[in-house]
Amino acid sequence: MNELLKKPDHITSLATGGILLRAKVRVMTFTKQDRVISDEVTSSKKAARNAGRYTKQLFADVPELRALLNERQAWYNFVQRVTYPWDGEWGYLPAVRIPQVMSEINQRKTKTMELLENFIAVMPSAISNEAFVQGDMFNKDDYPSPDIVRSQFSVTVQTMDIPVGDYRVTIANDLADDLKRNFEQQTRDIIADINTKQNEQLVKVLQSFSHCCDSETVIEDGEVKVKRRKMYESTLSEALELCNTFADFNLTKDSKLEEARRDLLKILDGVTIDQLRNSDTKRTVVKEGVDDILSKFGL
């Protein structure tokens, strides 16, 4: 006899509670294989012609290019920061974060295109400098035009709904059981990874508060002084953002996470960055509060 394969309830929560997000940055490598130099090297070493290849770095040390190339990693780090583990390049973005993240994506795109234009602006002088840096290896034909550089550069941000198929299909009992078990296990693994990252994010910001609200002993001009540690506005804003996100996005109904979130929100209620920077009393109150929360995590 056949039966219907039903989706677990938490799948519906995942499907309606967020989207998938990934970012791809395409950029030229600005390298060039030189067959002539390769032949010279292999010949001088008495090696076979195809035993090695010489690759030239077209721009040996150009800060504007280095900043542009670093953007690929910056985009990857950004997606890792705002999403939760899903599958490969795809991260799970809770619906509550979508407006803020999309706004940040637009800002990052603007910044990335500025970095591209900054590099293009210095290309002529950089190419002239390479004529001296590369000596006899220099070949002006190796270098692309600004239009080619622009055409080979792109930032693509993709979003996708959670791919949930209609599993209400009549199939054999044994196959239904196997599929259902596999389906549920995959989902449990995803939810466990999300929950783990949420706890890690909250603990990290708590530890940052505890560290920054403390003081440190330093020696200046031979005199021992006690100084406040630097307090960053980003720490406060990240803590409040996590509290707001976890209020609506707690898939496992993790009571420990919810209690820590509520306690932290209560501690930070009405607290400003100026107070944390200038008031020893306020710093002490906040530190004692976050340390108490950390103790419940065994830290």
Protein backbone atom coordinates (compact mmCIF):
# COMPACT_ATOMS: atom_id res chain seq x y z
CA MET A 1 0.00 0.00 0.00
CA ASN A 2 1.22 3.53 -0.82
CA GLU A 3 1.23 6.56 1.48
CA LEU A 4 1.92 10.30 1.30
CA LEU A 5 5.35 11.59 2.18
CA LYS A 6 4.93 14.57 4.49
CA LYS A 7 7.40 17.36 5.10
CA PRO A 8 8.50 18.04 8.68
CA ASP A 9 7.07 21.28 10.11
CA HIS A 10 10.49 22.89 10.51
CA ILE A 11 11.00 22.65 6.72
CA THR A 12 8.04 24.97 6.23
CA SER A 13 9.62 27.35 8.74
CA LEU A 14 12.88 27.36 6.81
CA ALA A 15 11.12 27.79 3.47
CA THR A 16 9.05 30.77 4.57
CA GLY A 17 11.49 32.29 7.05
CA GLY A 18 14.25 33.31 4.66
CA ILE A 19 15.98 33.06 1.29
CA LEU A 20 19.28 31.80 -0.08
CA LEU A 21 22.01 34.29 -0.98
CA ARG A 22 25.39 34.13 -2.70
CA ALA A 23 27.79 36.62 -4.26
CA LYS A 24 30.18 36.06 -7.14
CA VAL A 25 32.97 38.48 -8.04
CA ARG A 26 34.66 38.04 -11.42
CA VAL A 27 37.98 39.81 -12.00
CA MET A 28 40.98 39.37 -14.28
CA THR A 29 44.01 37.63 -12.80
CA PHE A 30 46.39 40.09 -14.48
CA THR A 31 48.89 37.33 -15.15
CA LYS A 32 50.40 36.24 -18.46
CA GLN A 33 52.17 33.04 -19.38
CA ASP A 34 55.33 33.77 -21.36
CA ARG A 35 56.32 30.92 -23.65
CA VAL A 36 59.61 32.54 -24.67
CA ILE A 37 60.84 32.88 -21.08
CA SER A 38 59.55 29.39 -20.27
CA ASP A 39 61.61 27.97 -23.14
CA GLU A 40 64.67 29.91 -22.00
CA VAL A 41 64.38 28.55 -18.45
CA THR A 42 63.72 24.93 -19.41
CA SER A 43 66.53 25.07 -21.98
CA SER A 44 69.02 26.52 -19.49
CA LYS A 45 68.10 23.79 -17.03
CA LYS A 46 68.32 21.09 -19.71
CA ALA A 47 64.67 20.21 -19.12
CA ALA A 48 61.94 19.20 -21.55
CA ARG A 49 60.13 22.11 -23.19
CA ASN A 50 56.86 21.38 -21.39
CA ALA A 51 58.49 20.72 -18.02
CA GLY A 52 57.61 24.17 -16.73
CA ARG A 53 55.86 27.43 -17.47
CA TYR A 54 56.72 30.97 -16.52
CA THR A 55 53.85 33.22 -15.49
CA LYS A 56 54.37 36.98 -15.31
CA GLN A 57 52.61 39.20 -12.84
CA LEU A 58 51.56 42.10 -15.03
CA PHE A 59 51.35 44.50 -12.09
CA ALA A 60 53.99 43.61 -9.53
CA ASP A 61 52.90 45.94 -6.72
CA VAL A 62 49.98 48.28 -7.36
CA PRO A 63 47.96 49.09 -4.20
CA GLU A 64 44.83 49.92 -6.20
CA LEU A 65 44.89 46.49 -7.87
CA ARG A 66 45.59 44.73 -4.59
CA ALA A 67 42.55 46.44 -3.05
CA LEU A 68 40.41 45.41 -6.02
CA LEU A 69 41.52 41.78 -5.91
CA ASN A 70 40.92 41.68 -2.16
CA GLU A 71 37.27 42.55 -2.80
CA ARG A 72 36.57 38.96 -3.82
CA GLN A 73 37.44 37.76 -0.32
CA ALA A 74 35.62 40.74 1.20
CA TRP A 75 32.39 39.74 -0.57
CA TYR A 76 32.81 36.12 0.53
CA ASN A 77 33.37 37.25 4.14
CA PHE A 78 30.30 39.50 3.92
CA VAL A 79 28.02 36.65 2.83
CA GLN A 80 29.48 34.43 5.57
CA ARG A 81 28.79 37.13 8.13
CA VAL A 82 25.15 37.87 7.29
CA THR A 83 23.98 34.33 6.44
CA TYR A 84 23.93 30.90 8.02
CA PRO A 85 25.39 27.67 6.60
CA TRP A 86 23.37 26.11 3.80
CA ASP A 87 25.16 24.54 0.83
CA GLY A 88 28.52 25.55 -0.61
CA GLU A 89 28.44 29.18 -1.79
CA TRP A 90 24.79 29.56 -0.80
CA GLY A 91 23.99 30.94 2.64
CA TYR A 92 20.62 31.13 4.40
CA LEU A 93 19.46 34.73 4.96
CA PRO A 94 16.65 35.14 7.53
CA ALA A 95 13.75 37.25 6.25
CA VAL A 96 14.16 39.70 9.13
CA ARG A 97 17.63 40.60 7.83
CA ILE A 98 16.73 41.01 4.14
CA PRO A 99 16.11 44.82 4.06
CA GLN A 100 19.30 45.61 5.97
CA VAL A 101 21.44 43.18 3.95
CA MET A 102 20.10 44.38 0.60
CA SER A 103 20.90 47.95 1.60
CA GLU A 104 24.43 46.91 2.55
CA ILE A 105 24.79 45.03 -0.75
CA ASN A 106 24.04 48.22 -2.70
CA GLN A 107 26.62 50.12 -0.65
CA ARG A 108 29.22 47.39 -1.17
CA LYS A 109 28.57 47.36 -4.93
CA THR A 110 29.17 51.11 -5.07
CA LYS A 111 32.41 50.72 -3.12
CA THR A 112 33.57 47.84 -5.34
CA MET A 113 32.98 49.81 -8.54
CA GLU A 114 34.90 52.74 -7.03
CA LEU A 115 37.84 50.41 -6.42
CA LEU A 116 37.64 49.27 -10.04
CA GLU A 117 37.72 52.84 -11.34
CA ASN A 118 40.54 53.74 -8.93
CA PHE A 119 42.66 50.99 -10.47
CA ILE A 120 41.76 51.92 -14.03
CA ALA A 121 42.74 55.52 -13.29
CA VAL A 122 46.29 54.49 -12.33
CA MET A 123 46.73 51.86 -15.05
CA PRO A 124 48.69 54.11 -17.48
CA SER A 125 51.27 55.11 -14.87
CA ALA A 126 51.38 51.55 -13.49
CA ILE A 127 52.09 50.13 -16.95
CA SER A 128 54.87 52.68 -17.47
CA ASN A 129 56.36 51.68 -14.15
CA GLU A 130 56.22 47.99 -15.10
CA ALA A 131 58.49 48.75 -18.06
CA PHE A 132 61.22 49.43 -15.50
CA VAL A 133 60.20 46.74 -13.01
CA GLN A 134 60.04 43.89 -15.53
CA GLY A 135 63.07 44.87 -17.59
CA ASP A 136 63.46 42.65 -20.66
CA MET A 137 60.32 40.69 -19.73
CA PHE A 138 58.11 43.73 -20.35
CA ASN A 139 55.74 43.51 -23.30
CA LYS A 140 53.21 46.31 -23.66
CA ASP A 141 50.91 44.02 -25.65
CA ASP A 142 50.39 41.90 -22.54
CA TYR A 143 48.40 44.67 -20.90
CA PRO A 144 44.62 44.94 -21.36
CA SER A 145 42.83 48.19 -22.12
CA PRO A 146 40.56 49.81 -19.52
CA ASP A 147 37.50 48.70 -21.50
CA ILE A 148 38.64 45.08 -21.38
CA VAL A 149 39.30 45.34 -17.63
CA ARG A 150 35.79 46.69 -17.10
CA SER A 151 34.23 43.99 -19.30
CA GLN A 152 36.03 41.24 -17.36
CA PHE A 153 34.92 42.54 -13.98
CA SER A 154 31.51 41.92 -12.43
CA VAL A 155 29.76 41.53 -9.10
CA THR A 156 26.73 39.26 -9.17
CA VAL A 157 24.54 38.86 -6.10
CA GLN A 158 22.00 36.07 -6.44
CA THR A 159 19.03 35.21 -4.27
CA MET A 160 16.80 32.17 -4.41
CA ASP A 161 13.79 30.86 -2.57
CA ILE A 162 14.30 27.73 -0.53
CA PRO A 163 13.87 24.85 -3.01
CA VAL A 164 11.08 22.84 -1.42
CA GLY A 165 9.38 20.41 -3.80
CA ASP A 166 5.94 18.92 -3.45
CA TYR A 167 6.64 15.72 -1.55
CA ARG A 168 2.96 14.76 -1.33
CA VAL A 169 3.46 12.12 -3.95
CA THR A 170 2.16 8.60 -3.75
CA ILE A 171 5.16 6.27 -3.60
CA ALA A 172 6.04 2.89 -2.18
CA ASN A 173 6.23 2.66 1.61
CA ASP A 174 9.87 1.65 1.81
CA LEU A 175 11.00 4.45 -0.53
CA ALA A 176 8.86 6.99 1.33
CA ASP A 177 10.43 6.01 4.63
CA ASP A 178 13.97 6.25 3.23
CA LEU A 179 13.34 9.63 1.62
CA LYS A 180 11.62 11.02 4.68
CA ARG A 181 14.46 9.94 6.99
CA ASN A 182 17.09 11.41 4.65
CA PHE A 183 15.07 14.61 4.17
CA GLU A 184 14.64 15.10 7.91
CA GLN A 185 18.30 14.34 8.70
CA GLN A 186 19.57 16.88 6.16
CA THR A 187 17.25 19.48 7.62
CA ARG A 188 18.28 18.67 11.19
CA ASP A 189 21.93 19.10 10.17
CA ILE A 190 21.22 22.49 8.56
CA ILE A 191 19.24 23.69 11.58
CA ALA A 192 21.95 22.47 13.95
CA ASP A 193 24.60 24.40 11.98
CA ILE A 194 22.47 27.55 12.08
CA ASN A 195 21.89 27.19 15.82
CA THR A 196 25.60 26.62 16.43
CA LYS A 197 26.55 29.76 14.49
CA GLN A 198 23.91 31.82 16.33
CA ASN A 199 25.33 30.77 19.70
CA GLU A 200 28.88 31.47 18.49
CA GLN A 201 27.85 34.94 17.24
CA LEU A 202 26.23 35.84 20.55
CA VAL A 203 29.12 34.52 22.65
CA LYS A 204 31.62 36.43 20.48
CA VAL A 205 29.84 39.76 20.96
CA LEU A 206 29.46 39.09 24.71
CA GLN A 207 33.18 38.37 25.00
CA SER A 208 33.93 41.54 23.07
CA PHE A 209 31.82 43.59 25.51
CA SER A 210 33.47 41.94 28.51
CA HIS A 211 36.93 42.68 27.12
CA CYS A 212 36.24 46.26 26.01
CA CYS A 213 34.43 47.26 29.23
CA ASP A 214 37.44 46.19 31.27
CA SER A 215 40.54 48.27 31.97
CA GLU A 216 44.20 47.49 31.47
CA THR A 217 47.41 48.47 33.22
CA VAL A 218 50.01 50.18 31.06
CA ILE A 219 53.34 51.84 31.67
CA GLU A 220 53.75 55.33 30.20
CA ASP A 221 56.87 57.37 30.78
CA GLY A 222 57.88 54.97 33.55
CA GLU A 223 54.56 55.47 35.34
CA VAL A 224 51.94 52.74 35.87
CA LYS A 225 48.51 53.81 34.71
CA VAL A 226 45.09 52.14 34.53
CA LYS A 227 43.33 52.92 31.27
CA ARG A 228 39.94 52.11 29.81
CA ARG A 229 40.06 49.75 26.83
CA LYS A 230 38.74 51.11 23.55
CA MET A 231 35.04 50.57 22.99
CA TYR A 232 33.87 50.17 19.38
CA GLU A 233 30.50 51.38 18.17
CA SER A 234 30.32 48.34 15.87
CA THR A 235 30.26 46.05 18.94
CA LEU A 236 27.16 47.78 20.28
CA SER A 237 25.37 47.87 16.93
CA GLU A 238 26.19 44.20 16.23
CA ALA A 239 24.87 43.15 19.64
CA LEU A 240 21.57 44.98 19.10
CA GLU A 241 21.28 43.60 15.55
CA LEU A 242 21.76 40.04 16.79
CA CYS A 243 19.18 40.54 19.55
CA ASN A 244 16.63 41.80 17.02
CA THR A 245 17.38 39.01 14.54
CA PHE A 246 17.21 36.20 17.08
CA ALA A 247 13.89 37.49 18.41
CA ASP A 248 12.25 36.45 15.13
CA PHE A 249 14.72 33.81 13.97
CA ASN A 250 15.25 31.00 16.45
CA LEU A 251 14.40 27.85 14.51
CA THR A 252 15.03 25.40 17.35
CA LYS A 253 13.31 27.58 19.95
CA ASP A 254 16.62 27.40 21.82
CA SER A 255 15.65 28.55 25.32
CA LYS A 256 19.26 29.23 26.31
CA LEU A 257 19.78 31.46 23.27
CA GLU A 258 16.47 33.26 23.86
CA GLU A 259 17.24 33.85 27.54
CA ALA A 260 20.70 35.21 26.71
CA ARG A 261 19.20 37.44 24.00
CA ARG A 262 16.59 38.88 26.37
CA ASP A 263 19.15 39.42 29.13
CA LEU A 264 21.58 41.18 26.80
CA LEU A 265 18.83 43.40 25.41
CA LYS A 266 17.85 44.34 28.96
CA ILE A 267 21.47 45.17 29.85
CA LEU A 268 21.88 47.37 26.76
CA ASP A 269 18.50 49.10 27.04
CA GLY A 270 19.14 52.84 26.68
CA VAL A 271 22.92 52.39 26.69
CA THR A 272 24.83 54.65 24.29
CA ILE A 273 28.33 54.31 22.92
CA ASP A 274 29.33 57.57 24.64
CA GLN A 275 28.29 56.15 28.00
CA LEU A 276 30.34 53.02 27.41
CA ARG A 277 33.35 55.10 26.43
CA ASN A 278 33.18 57.66 29.24
CA SER A 279 31.34 56.21 32.22
CA ASP A 280 33.21 53.75 34.43
CA THR A 281 29.96 52.98 36.25
CA LYS A 282 28.11 52.10 33.06
CA ARG A 283 31.02 49.98 31.81
CA THR A 284 31.09 48.08 35.10
CA VAL A 285 27.35 47.41 35.01
CA VAL A 286 27.49 46.18 31.41
CA LYS A 287 30.57 44.02 32.04
CA GLU A 288 29.02 42.37 35.11
CA GLY A 289 25.85 41.70 33.14
CA VAL A 290 27.54 40.15 30.09
CA ASP A 291 29.90 38.13 32.30
CA ASP A 292 26.86 36.67 34.04
CA ILE A 293 25.40 35.66 30.67
CA LEU A 294 28.72 34.16 29.61
CA SER A 295 28.84 32.08 32.78
CA LYS A 296 25.62 30.38 31.65
CA PHE A 297 27.50 29.29 28.52
CA GLY A 298 30.23 27.86 30.74
CA LEU A 299 32.63 30.69 29.88
